[in-house]
Amino acid sequence: MSQLNVVMCSGFSPSARMVRKALRRVAEKRDIKVISVCPPDAGLTKYIEELTALDPARTVVVEGCDGCCGTQGLMLQGISPARTVIVDKVMMVDEKAIARTEEMILAALNEVGA
């Protein structure tokens, strides 16, 4: 199977940290390219080009909250992802929350084709 793109939440909330921990686990199991929208949103040309080169049909966004900064960053570049996962907010990152988020991400990747 070929690589899928995962645009991740780049925040600092507990939920955002949970997303990053879960994505590290997913990256050990699946062929994914993890991308942050922070550099493109800051107007850095190299990263805008990287973002606009993504195949929307092979792109999943994982959001740490309902603010959906990852999806908004893609939309600013005219990209609509194949799937968006919005995780539940947590106050504390624990094993159960990380495992639940990992399952959500894996399910989304399965839907898209990984």
Protein backbone atom coordinates (compact mmCIF):
# COMPACT_ATOMS: atom_id res chain seq x y z
CA MET A 1 0.00 0.00 0.00
CA SER A 2 1.20 3.50 -0.68
CA GLN A 3 1.76 6.26 1.78
CA LEU A 4 -1.07 8.39 3.13
CA ASN A 5 -0.76 11.98 4.29
CA VAL A 6 -1.80 12.90 7.81
CA VAL A 7 -2.16 16.58 8.61
CA MET A 8 -2.01 16.93 12.36
CA CYS A 9 -3.14 19.31 15.02
CA SER A 10 -0.21 21.47 16.06
CA GLY A 11 -1.55 22.89 19.31
CA PHE A 12 -0.25 22.57 22.85
CA SER A 13 -3.40 21.48 24.63
CA PRO A 14 -3.52 18.06 26.27
CA SER A 15 -5.64 16.84 23.35
CA ALA A 16 -3.04 18.05 20.84
CA ARG A 17 -0.29 16.25 22.74
CA MET A 18 -2.46 13.13 22.75
CA VAL A 19 -2.80 13.38 18.94
CA ARG A 20 0.97 13.53 18.53
CA LYS A 21 1.55 10.56 20.85
CA ALA A 22 -1.06 8.51 19.01
CA LEU A 23 0.42 9.47 15.62
CA ARG A 24 3.87 8.27 16.72
CA ARG A 25 2.31 4.86 17.39
CA VAL A 26 0.39 4.86 14.13
CA ALA A 27 3.57 5.75 12.21
CA GLU A 28 5.15 2.54 13.53
CA LYS A 29 2.29 0.50 12.03
CA ARG A 30 1.37 2.32 8.83
CA ASP A 31 3.13 4.11 6.00
CA ILE A 32 2.14 7.71 6.70
CA LYS A 33 3.64 11.13 6.11
CA VAL A 34 2.79 13.47 8.99
CA ILE A 35 2.48 17.15 8.15
CA SER A 36 1.84 20.22 10.28
CA VAL A 37 -0.03 23.21 8.86
CA CYS A 38 1.92 25.70 11.01
CA PRO A 39 4.74 26.46 8.50
CA PRO A 40 2.37 26.89 5.52
CA ASP A 41 0.03 29.03 7.62
CA ALA A 42 3.03 31.22 8.44
CA GLY A 43 3.54 31.76 4.70
CA LEU A 44 6.74 29.73 4.33
CA THR A 45 6.87 29.00 0.60
CA LYS A 46 8.62 25.62 0.75
CA TYR A 47 5.94 24.28 3.09
CA ILE A 48 3.07 25.80 1.13
CA GLU A 49 4.36 23.91 -1.91
CA GLU A 50 4.58 20.70 0.14
CA LEU A 51 1.00 21.16 1.35
CA THR A 52 -0.46 22.00 -2.06
CA ALA A 53 1.28 18.94 -3.57
CA LEU A 54 -0.73 16.61 -1.32
CA ASP A 55 -3.30 14.36 -2.96
CA PRO A 56 -6.55 15.30 -1.19
CA ALA A 57 -7.93 11.79 -1.78
CA ARG A 58 -5.02 10.38 0.26
CA THR A 59 -5.06 13.00 3.01
CA VAL A 60 -6.50 12.65 6.52
CA VAL A 61 -6.62 15.46 9.07
CA VAL A 62 -6.42 14.67 12.79
CA GLU A 63 -7.70 17.54 14.93
CA GLY A 64 -7.09 17.94 18.66
CA CYS A 65 -10.24 20.03 19.11
CA ASP A 66 -13.23 21.40 17.27
CA GLY A 67 -11.24 24.50 16.27
CA CYS A 68 -10.06 22.42 13.30
CA CYS A 69 -6.91 24.42 12.54
CA GLY A 70 -5.55 21.61 10.36
CA THR A 71 -8.64 21.55 8.17
CA GLN A 72 -8.73 25.35 8.02
CA GLY A 73 -5.07 25.44 6.97
CA LEU A 74 -5.80 23.02 4.13
CA MET A 75 -8.89 24.94 3.07
CA LEU A 76 -6.82 28.14 2.82
CA GLN A 77 -4.78 26.31 0.17
CA GLY A 78 -7.89 24.99 -1.61
CA ILE A 79 -7.51 21.44 -0.32
CA SER A 80 -10.37 19.30 1.02
CA PRO A 81 -9.10 16.20 2.85
CA ALA A 82 -10.62 12.79 2.29
CA ARG A 83 -11.33 12.39 6.01
CA THR A 84 -11.17 14.49 9.17
CA VAL A 85 -10.89 13.01 12.66
CA ILE A 86 -11.74 15.27 15.60
CA VAL A 87 -10.66 13.69 18.86
CA ASP A 88 -12.39 14.18 22.18
CA LYS A 89 -10.90 16.86 24.38
CA VAL A 90 -9.04 15.56 27.40
CA MET A 91 -7.73 17.29 30.50
CA MET A 92 -5.02 14.73 31.07
CA VAL A 93 -3.23 12.51 28.58
CA ASP A 94 -3.32 8.91 29.71
CA GLU A 95 -2.84 5.53 28.09
CA LYS A 96 -6.56 4.96 27.57
CA ALA A 97 -6.99 8.28 25.74
CA ILE A 98 -3.93 7.70 23.55
CA ALA A 99 -5.11 4.19 22.64
CA ARG A 100 -8.61 5.47 21.78
CA THR A 101 -7.12 8.20 19.56
CA GLU A 102 -4.82 5.70 17.87
CA GLU A 103 -7.85 3.52 17.05
CA MET A 104 -9.70 6.52 15.59
CA ILE A 105 -6.75 7.41 13.39
CA LEU A 106 -6.28 3.83 12.20
CA ALA A 107 -9.99 3.58 11.35
CA ALA A 108 -9.78 6.77 9.28
CA LEU A 109 -6.70 5.48 7.45
CA ASN A 110 -8.54 2.25 6.68
CA GLU A 111 -11.44 4.22 5.21
CA VAL A 112 -9.08 6.21 2.99
CA GLY A 113 -7.12 3.18 1.91
CA ALA A 114 -4.01 2.49 3.95
